[in-house]
Amino acid sequence: MNILDGEEGRENRMTNKTRRGIYYDINDSEYSYKFKNTIFFFTSQSYLNKFEERLPEYIITRTKELNHTIRFKIDWSRYEELMALELYKQIETRGVRYEKIK
């Protein structure tokens, strides 16, 4: 394997993808999911699918929990990306990579 430093080297480097489609290095992964202004990267299609499937219910459940904790209702929509990050960190066990879109 050719290991190069810097961003220009990243494009030419061989990927560490297993036969089952799992990346050892999350920075090489092609699996991504865009939610609002954030792109989340995953080391496997399985983790991506799990995240995509669980996210809507997780946001609803987390919003209810927070409303119950503070004892009044507020608009949590501006915090949904943080909730998504919280779920992401529960599912993706091989690293963390996300990018904000401006």
Protein backbone atom coordinates (compact mmCIF):
# COMPACT_ATOMS: atom_id res chain seq x y z
CA MET A 1 0.00 0.00 0.00
CA ASN A 2 1.24 3.44 -0.89
CA ILE A 3 0.96 5.78 2.12
CA LEU A 4 1.19 9.45 1.21
CA ASP A 5 0.89 12.50 3.42
CA GLY A 6 -1.43 15.40 2.72
CA GLU A 7 -4.78 15.73 1.03
CA GLU A 8 -3.47 15.15 -2.49
CA GLY A 9 -2.17 11.76 -1.34
CA ARG A 10 -5.56 10.72 -0.01
CA GLU A 11 -7.02 10.42 -3.51
CA ASN A 12 -4.32 8.03 -4.67
CA ARG A 13 -4.18 5.85 -1.57
CA MET A 14 -5.69 2.37 -1.69
CA THR A 15 -8.80 1.95 0.43
CA ASN A 16 -8.95 -0.40 3.38
CA LYS A 17 -12.30 -1.93 2.48
CA THR A 18 -13.01 -5.55 3.41
CA ARG A 19 -14.80 -8.03 1.18
CA ARG A 20 -17.96 -7.31 3.17
CA GLY A 21 -17.72 -3.59 2.46
CA ILE A 22 -16.43 -2.41 5.84
CA TYR A 23 -13.84 0.36 5.95
CA TYR A 24 -11.12 0.20 8.59
CA ASP A 25 -10.46 3.92 8.16
CA ILE A 26 -13.59 6.06 8.28
CA ASN A 27 -11.79 8.76 6.27
CA ASP A 28 -11.78 6.40 3.25
CA SER A 29 -15.48 5.59 3.52
CA GLU A 30 -17.94 6.21 0.71
CA TYR A 31 -20.97 5.69 2.96
CA SER A 32 -22.55 9.00 3.93
CA TYR A 33 -25.88 10.41 5.04
CA LYS A 34 -26.90 14.07 4.81
CA PHE A 35 -29.14 15.41 7.56
CA LYS A 36 -29.97 19.11 7.47
CA ASN A 37 -26.55 20.86 7.32
CA THR A 38 -24.43 17.89 8.38
CA ILE A 39 -23.00 14.93 6.48
CA PHE A 40 -22.33 11.84 8.60
CA PHE A 41 -19.89 9.19 7.39
CA PHE A 42 -20.09 5.50 8.22
CA THR A 43 -17.67 2.59 8.01
CA SER A 44 -20.33 0.19 6.71
CA GLN A 45 -23.59 0.18 4.82
CA SER A 46 -25.13 -1.63 7.78
CA TYR A 47 -24.35 1.24 10.17
CA LEU A 48 -25.64 3.76 7.64
CA ASN A 49 -28.91 1.84 7.25
CA LYS A 50 -29.32 1.53 11.02
CA PHE A 51 -28.80 5.27 11.48
CA GLU A 52 -31.20 6.19 8.67
CA GLU A 53 -33.85 3.84 10.05
CA ARG A 54 -33.60 4.93 13.70
CA LEU A 55 -33.10 8.70 13.30
CA PRO A 56 -36.74 9.88 12.97
CA GLU A 57 -37.94 7.93 16.01
CA TYR A 58 -34.83 8.87 18.00
CA ILE A 59 -35.52 12.59 17.47
CA ILE A 60 -39.15 12.18 18.55
CA THR A 61 -38.20 10.18 21.64
CA ARG A 62 -35.36 12.49 22.61
CA THR A 63 -37.60 15.56 22.21
CA LYS A 64 -40.21 14.01 24.51
CA GLU A 65 -37.52 13.18 27.08
CA LEU A 66 -36.18 16.72 27.04
CA ASN A 67 -39.66 18.25 27.30
CA HIS A 68 -40.38 16.04 30.28
CA THR A 69 -37.07 16.89 31.93
CA ILE A 70 -37.48 20.65 31.71
CA ARG A 71 -41.26 20.45 32.26
CA PHE A 72 -42.35 22.69 29.41
CA LYS A 73 -42.40 22.44 25.64
CA ILE A 74 -40.02 24.34 23.43
CA ASP A 75 -39.08 24.04 19.77
CA TRP A 76 -36.20 21.55 19.68
CA SER A 77 -35.83 21.61 15.87
CA ARG A 78 -32.68 23.72 16.05
CA TYR A 79 -31.10 20.94 18.16
CA GLU A 80 -32.00 18.02 15.90
CA GLU A 81 -28.49 17.93 14.41
CA LEU A 82 -27.08 17.47 17.92
CA MET A 83 -29.59 14.68 18.53
CA ALA A 84 -28.49 13.08 15.25
CA LEU A 85 -24.86 13.33 16.37
CA GLU A 86 -25.78 11.68 19.66
CA LEU A 87 -27.36 8.74 17.80
CA TYR A 88 -24.46 8.62 15.35
CA LYS A 89 -21.97 8.17 18.18
CA GLN A 90 -24.07 5.29 19.54
CA ILE A 91 -24.15 3.46 16.20
CA GLU A 92 -20.77 4.14 14.56
CA THR A 93 -18.17 2.32 16.66
CA ARG A 94 -15.13 2.51 14.36
CA GLY A 95 -14.60 6.26 14.42
CA VAL A 96 -16.30 9.61 14.06
CA ARG A 97 -16.46 11.72 10.93
CA TYR A 98 -18.97 14.37 10.07
CA GLU A 99 -18.85 17.56 8.08
CA LYS A 100 -20.90 20.74 8.39
CA ILE A 101 -22.33 22.21 5.20
CA LYS A 102 -22.53 25.99 5.02
